[in-house]
Amino acid sequence: MKPPKKPAKAKKAAPKPKDTRPQRERFEEAARQAGVDETGEAFERAMEVVAPPKKPKSSA
């Protein structure tokens, strides 16, 4: 009687080559790909929708 066969091992994917660029360059590239602007205008518009600026209280 033959012993039961062992399950086949899954082949590991080849490791990706390590990116040797500085972190800043990788971050800037990711931001460009995401379409982030440098002015912050989109952020300010979004914040006004989420948390409108407080109106000053009138003292009478």
PDB file of N, CA and C in Angstrom:
ATOM      1  N   MET A   1       0.848  -1.173   0.000  1.00  0.00           N
ATOM      2  CA  MET A   1       0.000   0.000   0.000  1.00  0.00           C
ATOM      3  C   MET A   1       0.899   1.244   0.000  1.00  0.00           C
ATOM      4  N   LYS A   2       0.576   2.227  -0.882  1.00  0.00           N
ATOM      5  CA  LYS A   2       1.377   3.443  -0.994  1.00  0.00           C
ATOM      6  C   LYS A   2       0.934   4.476   0.045  1.00  0.00           C
ATOM      7  N   PRO A   3       1.893   5.238   0.563  1.00  0.00           N
ATOM      8  CA  PRO A   3       1.484   6.317   1.476  1.00  0.00           C
ATOM      9  C   PRO A   3       0.739   7.407   0.693  1.00  0.00           C
ATOM     10  N   PRO A   4      -0.159   8.165   1.346  1.00  0.00           N
ATOM     11  CA  PRO A   4      -0.911   9.209   0.637  1.00  0.00           C
ATOM     12  C   PRO A   4       0.037  10.300   0.127  1.00  0.00           C
ATOM     13  N   LYS A   5      -0.331  10.882  -1.007  1.00  0.00           N
ATOM     14  CA  LYS A   5       0.491  11.951  -1.590  1.00  0.00           C
ATOM     15  C   LYS A   5       0.357  13.225  -0.775  1.00  0.00           C
ATOM     16  N   LYS A   6       1.467  13.930  -0.675  1.00  0.00           N
ATOM     17  CA  LYS A   6       1.446  15.222   0.005  1.00  0.00           C
ATOM     18  C   LYS A   6       0.851  16.252  -0.944  1.00  0.00           C
ATOM     19  N   PRO A   7       0.104  17.211  -0.401  1.00  0.00           N
ATOM     20  CA  PRO A   7      -0.454  18.243  -1.284  1.00  0.00           C
ATOM     21  C   PRO A   7       0.674  19.065  -1.913  1.00  0.00           C
ATOM     22  N   ALA A   8       0.447  19.478  -3.145  1.00  0.00           N
ATOM     23  CA  ALA A   8       1.461  20.272  -3.848  1.00  0.00           C
ATOM     24  C   ALA A   8       1.580  21.645  -3.179  1.00  0.00           C
ATOM     25  N   LYS A   9       2.806  22.102  -3.044  1.00  0.00           N
ATOM     26  CA  LYS A   9       3.035  23.417  -2.449  1.00  0.00           C
ATOM     27  C   LYS A   9       2.740  24.491  -3.486  1.00  0.00           C
ATOM     28  N   ALA A  10       2.111  25.553  -3.020  1.00  0.00           N
ATOM     29  CA  ALA A  10       1.817  26.672  -3.912  1.00  0.00           C
ATOM     30  C   ALA A  10       3.118  27.404  -4.212  1.00  0.00           C
ATOM     31  N   LYS A  11       3.282  27.785  -5.475  1.00  0.00           N
ATOM     32  CA  LYS A  11       4.492  28.522  -5.845  1.00  0.00           C
ATOM     33  C   LYS A  11       4.359  29.955  -5.389  1.00  0.00           C
ATOM     34  N   LYS A  12       5.421  30.449  -4.787  1.00  0.00           N
ATOM     35  CA  LYS A  12       5.429  31.837  -4.338  1.00  0.00           C
ATOM     36  C   LYS A  12       5.709  32.739  -5.529  1.00  0.00           C
ATOM     37  N   ALA A  13       5.060  33.889  -5.522  1.00  0.00           N
ATOM     38  CA  ALA A  13       5.313  34.863  -6.577  1.00  0.00           C
ATOM     39  C   ALA A  13       6.720  35.428  -6.397  1.00  0.00           C
ATOM     40  N   ALA A  14       7.327  35.761  -7.488  1.00  0.00           N
ATOM     41  CA  ALA A  14       8.668  36.335  -7.421  1.00  0.00           C
ATOM     42  C   ALA A  14       8.589  37.678  -6.702  1.00  0.00           C
ATOM     43  N   PRO A  15       9.520  37.959  -5.799  1.00  0.00           N
ATOM     44  CA  PRO A  15       9.461  39.236  -5.082  1.00  0.00           C
ATOM     45  C   PRO A  15       9.672  40.407  -6.052  1.00  0.00           C
ATOM     46  N   LYS A  16       8.950  41.494  -5.778  1.00  0.00           N
ATOM     47  CA  LYS A  16       9.094  42.681  -6.609  1.00  0.00           C
ATOM     48  C   LYS A  16      10.452  43.306  -6.323  1.00  0.00           C
ATOM     49  N   PRO A  17      11.089  43.874  -7.334  1.00  0.00           N
ATOM     50  CA  PRO A  17      12.362  44.538  -7.064  1.00  0.00           C
ATOM     51  C   PRO A  17      12.135  45.741  -6.151  1.00  0.00           C
ATOM     52  N   LYS A  18      13.027  45.920  -5.220  1.00  0.00           N
ATOM     53  CA  LYS A  18      12.892  47.008  -4.251  1.00  0.00           C
ATOM     54  C   LYS A  18      13.127  48.342  -4.936  1.00  0.00           C
ATOM     55  N   ASP A  19      12.255  49.293  -4.621  1.00  0.00           N
ATOM     56  CA  ASP A  19      12.378  50.639  -5.169  1.00  0.00           C
ATOM     57  C   ASP A  19      13.453  51.366  -4.360  1.00  0.00           C
ATOM     58  N   THR A  20      14.510  51.768  -5.022  1.00  0.00           N
ATOM     59  CA  THR A  20      15.628  52.377  -4.306  1.00  0.00           C
ATOM     60  C   THR A  20      15.582  53.894  -4.292  1.00  0.00           C
ATOM     61  N   ARG A  21      14.507  54.455  -4.874  1.00  0.00           N
ATOM     62  CA  ARG A  21      14.403  55.914  -4.859  1.00  0.00           C
ATOM     63  C   ARG A  21      14.109  56.401  -3.444  1.00  0.00           C
ATOM     64  N   PRO A  22      14.485  57.647  -3.132  1.00  0.00           N
ATOM     65  CA  PRO A  22      14.159  58.184  -1.806  1.00  0.00           C
ATOM     66  C   PRO A  22      12.645  58.228  -1.593  1.00  0.00           C
ATOM     67  N   GLN A  23      12.235  58.180  -0.331  1.00  0.00           N
ATOM     68  CA  GLN A  23      10.817  58.150   0.007  1.00  0.00           C
ATOM     69  C   GLN A  23      10.097  59.376  -0.558  1.00  0.00           C
ATOM     70  N   ARG A  24      10.741  60.527  -0.544  1.00  0.00           N
ATOM     71  CA  ARG A  24      10.109  61.749  -1.036  1.00  0.00           C
ATOM     72  C   ARG A  24       9.709  61.605  -2.503  1.00  0.00           C
ATOM     73  N   GLU A  25      10.597  61.037  -3.313  1.00  0.00           N
ATOM     74  CA  GLU A  25      10.289  60.868  -4.733  1.00  0.00           C
ATOM     75  C   GLU A  25       9.117  59.909  -4.931  1.00  0.00           C
ATOM     76  N   ARG A  26       9.090  58.821  -4.161  1.00  0.00           N
ATOM     77  CA  ARG A  26       7.988  57.865  -4.274  1.00  0.00           C
ATOM     78  C   ARG A  26       6.676  58.518  -3.853  1.00  0.00           C
ATOM     79  N   PHE A  27       6.719  59.323  -2.797  1.00  0.00           N
ATOM     80  CA  PHE A  27       5.529  60.018  -2.309  1.00  0.00           C
ATOM     81  C   PHE A  27       5.016  61.007  -3.348  1.00  0.00           C
ATOM     82  N   GLU A  28       5.920  61.793  -3.936  1.00  0.00           N
ATOM     83  CA  GLU A  28       5.508  62.783  -4.932  1.00  0.00           C
ATOM     84  C   GLU A  28       4.898  62.103  -6.159  1.00  0.00           C
ATOM     85  N   GLU A  29       5.473  60.996  -6.586  1.00  0.00           N
ATOM     86  CA  GLU A  29       4.929  60.281  -7.732  1.00  0.00           C
ATOM     87  C   GLU A  29       3.531  59.752  -7.418  1.00  0.00           C
ATOM     88  N   ALA A  30       3.351  59.207  -6.220  1.00  0.00           N
ATOM     89  CA  ALA A  30       2.036  58.692  -5.829  1.00  0.00           C
ATOM     90  C   ALA A  30       1.014  59.828  -5.778  1.00  0.00           C
ATOM     91  N   ALA A  31       1.426  60.991  -5.300  1.00  0.00           N
ATOM     92  CA  ALA A  31       0.517  62.140  -5.241  1.00  0.00           C
ATOM     93  C   ALA A  31       0.130  62.589  -6.645  1.00  0.00           C
ATOM     94  N   ARG A  32       1.092  62.612  -7.565  1.00  0.00           N
ATOM     95  CA  ARG A  32       0.786  62.989  -8.951  1.00  0.00           C
ATOM     96  C   ARG A  32      -0.210  62.014  -9.572  1.00  0.00           C
ATOM     97  N   GLN A  33       0.006  60.734  -9.341  1.00  0.00           N
ATOM     98  CA  GLN A  33      -0.888  59.726  -9.901  1.00  0.00           C
ATOM     99  C   GLN A  33      -2.289  59.847  -9.311  1.00  0.00           C
ATOM    100  N   ALA A  34      -2.393  60.281  -8.060  1.00  0.00           N
ATOM    101  CA  ALA A  34      -3.691  60.434  -7.409  1.00  0.00           C
ATOM    102  C   ALA A  34      -4.364  61.749  -7.798  1.00  0.00           C
ATOM    103  N   GLY A  35      -3.636  62.635  -8.492  1.00  0.00           N
ATOM    104  CA  GLY A  35      -4.214  63.901  -8.928  1.00  0.00           C
ATOM    105  C   GLY A  35      -4.305  64.935  -7.826  1.00  0.00           C
ATOM    106  N   VAL A  36      -3.411  64.872  -6.864  1.00  0.00           N
ATOM    107  CA  VAL A  36      -3.414  65.821  -5.757  1.00  0.00           C
ATOM    108  C   VAL A  36      -2.805  67.133  -6.225  1.00  0.00           C
ATOM    109  N   ASP A  37      -3.459  68.239  -5.873  1.00  0.00           N
ATOM    110  CA  ASP A  37      -2.892  69.545  -6.237  1.00  0.00           C
ATOM    111  C   ASP A  37      -2.037  70.065  -5.089  1.00  0.00           C
ATOM    112  N   GLU A  38      -1.182  71.012  -5.385  1.00  0.00           N
ATOM    113  CA  GLU A  38      -0.270  71.532  -4.376  1.00  0.00           C
ATOM    114  C   GLU A  38      -0.808  72.770  -3.677  1.00  0.00           C
ATOM    115  N   THR A  39      -1.922  73.319  -4.167  1.00  0.00           N
ATOM    116  CA  THR A  39      -2.421  74.564  -3.600  1.00  0.00           C
ATOM    117  C   THR A  39      -3.256  74.348  -2.357  1.00  0.00           C
ATOM    118  N   GLY A  40      -3.897  73.207  -2.247  1.00  0.00           N
ATOM    119  CA  GLY A  40      -4.753  72.953  -1.097  1.00  0.00           C
ATOM    120  C   GLY A  40      -6.160  73.497  -1.291  1.00  0.00           C
ATOM    121  N   GLU A  41      -6.458  74.009  -2.475  1.00  0.00           N
ATOM    122  CA  GLU A  41      -7.778  74.588  -2.720  1.00  0.00           C
ATOM    123  C   GLU A  41      -8.881  73.541  -2.609  1.00  0.00           C
ATOM    124  N   ALA A  42      -8.649  72.362  -3.141  1.00  0.00           N
ATOM    125  CA  ALA A  42      -9.653  71.305  -3.076  1.00  0.00           C
ATOM    126  C   ALA A  42      -9.925  70.928  -1.622  1.00  0.00           C
ATOM    127  N   PHE A  43      -8.885  70.897  -0.808  1.00  0.00           N
ATOM    128  CA  PHE A  43      -9.038  70.578   0.607  1.00  0.00           C
ATOM    129  C   PHE A  43      -9.878  71.646   1.298  1.00  0.00           C
ATOM    130  N   GLU A  44      -9.576  72.916   1.023  1.00  0.00           N
ATOM    131  CA  GLU A  44     -10.319  74.015   1.640  1.00  0.00           C
ATOM    132  C   GLU A  44     -11.791  73.962   1.249  1.00  0.00           C
ATOM    133  N   ARG A  45     -12.089  73.687  -0.032  1.00  0.00           N
ATOM    134  CA  ARG A  45     -13.486  73.587  -0.477  1.00  0.00           C
ATOM    135  C   ARG A  45     -14.193  72.453   0.252  1.00  0.00           C
ATOM    136  N   ALA A  46     -13.514  71.319   0.378  1.00  0.00           N
ATOM    137  CA  ALA A  46     -14.116  70.177   1.060  1.00  0.00           C
ATOM    138  C   ALA A  46     -14.366  70.492   2.525  1.00  0.00           C
ATOM    139  N   MET A  47     -13.447  71.170   3.168  1.00  0.00           N
ATOM    140  CA  MET A  47     -13.604  71.500   4.581  1.00  0.00           C
ATOM    141  C   MET A  47     -14.760  72.470   4.799  1.00  0.00           C
ATOM    142  N   GLU A  48     -14.984  73.385   3.866  1.00  0.00           N
ATOM    143  CA  GLU A  48     -16.098  74.323   4.009  1.00  0.00           C
ATOM    144  C   GLU A  48     -17.431  73.585   3.934  1.00  0.00           C
ATOM    145  N   VAL A  49     -17.481  72.503   3.173  1.00  0.00           N
ATOM    146  CA  VAL A  49     -18.705  71.712   3.084  1.00  0.00           C
ATOM    147  C   VAL A  49     -18.896  70.915   4.372  1.00  0.00           C
ATOM    148  N   VAL A  50     -17.827  70.311   4.863  1.00  0.00           N
ATOM    149  CA  VAL A  50     -17.904  69.464   6.045  1.00  0.00           C
ATOM    150  C   VAL A  50     -18.118  70.295   7.307  1.00  0.00           C
ATOM    151  N   ALA A  51     -17.358  71.357   7.445  1.00  0.00           N
ATOM    152  CA  ALA A  51     -17.429  72.209   8.635  1.00  0.00           C
ATOM    153  C   ALA A  51     -17.419  73.665   8.190  1.00  0.00           C
ATOM    154  N   PRO A  52     -18.607  74.214   7.885  1.00  0.00           N
ATOM    155  CA  PRO A  52     -18.647  75.602   7.433  1.00  0.00           C
ATOM    156  C   PRO A  52     -18.046  76.532   8.468  1.00  0.00           C
ATOM    157  N   PRO A  53     -17.438  77.645   8.022  1.00  0.00           N
ATOM    158  CA  PRO A  53     -16.863  78.575   8.994  1.00  0.00           C
ATOM    159  C   PRO A  53     -17.945  79.144   9.901  1.00  0.00           C
ATOM    160  N   LYS A  54     -17.607  79.354  11.150  1.00  0.00           N
ATOM    161  CA  LYS A  54     -18.567  79.898  12.105  1.00  0.00           C
ATOM    162  C   LYS A  54     -18.805  81.366  11.787  1.00  0.00           C
ATOM    163  N   LYS A  55     -20.055  81.754  11.910  1.00  0.00           N
ATOM    164  CA  LYS A  55     -20.395  83.163  11.700  1.00  0.00           C
ATOM    165  C   LYS A  55     -20.172  83.880  13.031  1.00  0.00           C
ATOM    166  N   PRO A  56     -19.606  85.082  12.971  1.00  0.00           N
ATOM    167  CA  PRO A  56     -19.388  85.809  14.236  1.00  0.00           C
ATOM    168  C   PRO A  56     -20.711  86.201  14.856  1.00  0.00           C
ATOM    169  N   LYS A  57     -20.740  86.092  16.168  1.00  0.00           N
ATOM    170  CA  LYS A  57     -21.961  86.472  16.893  1.00  0.00           C
ATOM    171  C   LYS A  57     -22.060  87.997  16.913  1.00  0.00           C
ATOM    172  N   SER A  58     -23.246  88.497  16.639  1.00  0.00           N
ATOM    173  CA  SER A  58     -23.417  89.952  16.674  1.00  0.00           C
ATOM    174  C   SER A  58     -23.739  90.354  18.108  1.00  0.00           C
ATOM    175  N   SER A  59     -23.022  91.323  18.591  1.00  0.00           N
ATOM    176  CA  SER A  59     -23.270  91.814  19.944  1.00  0.00           C
ATOM    177  C   SER A  59     -24.138  93.059  19.848  1.00  0.00           C
ATOM    178  N   ALA A  60     -25.323  92.985  20.415  1.00  0.00           N
ATOM    179  CA  ALA A  60     -26.262  94.107  20.300  1.00  0.00           C
ATOM    180  C   ALA A  60     -26.522  94.708  21.639  1.00  0.00           C
TER     181      ALA A  60
END
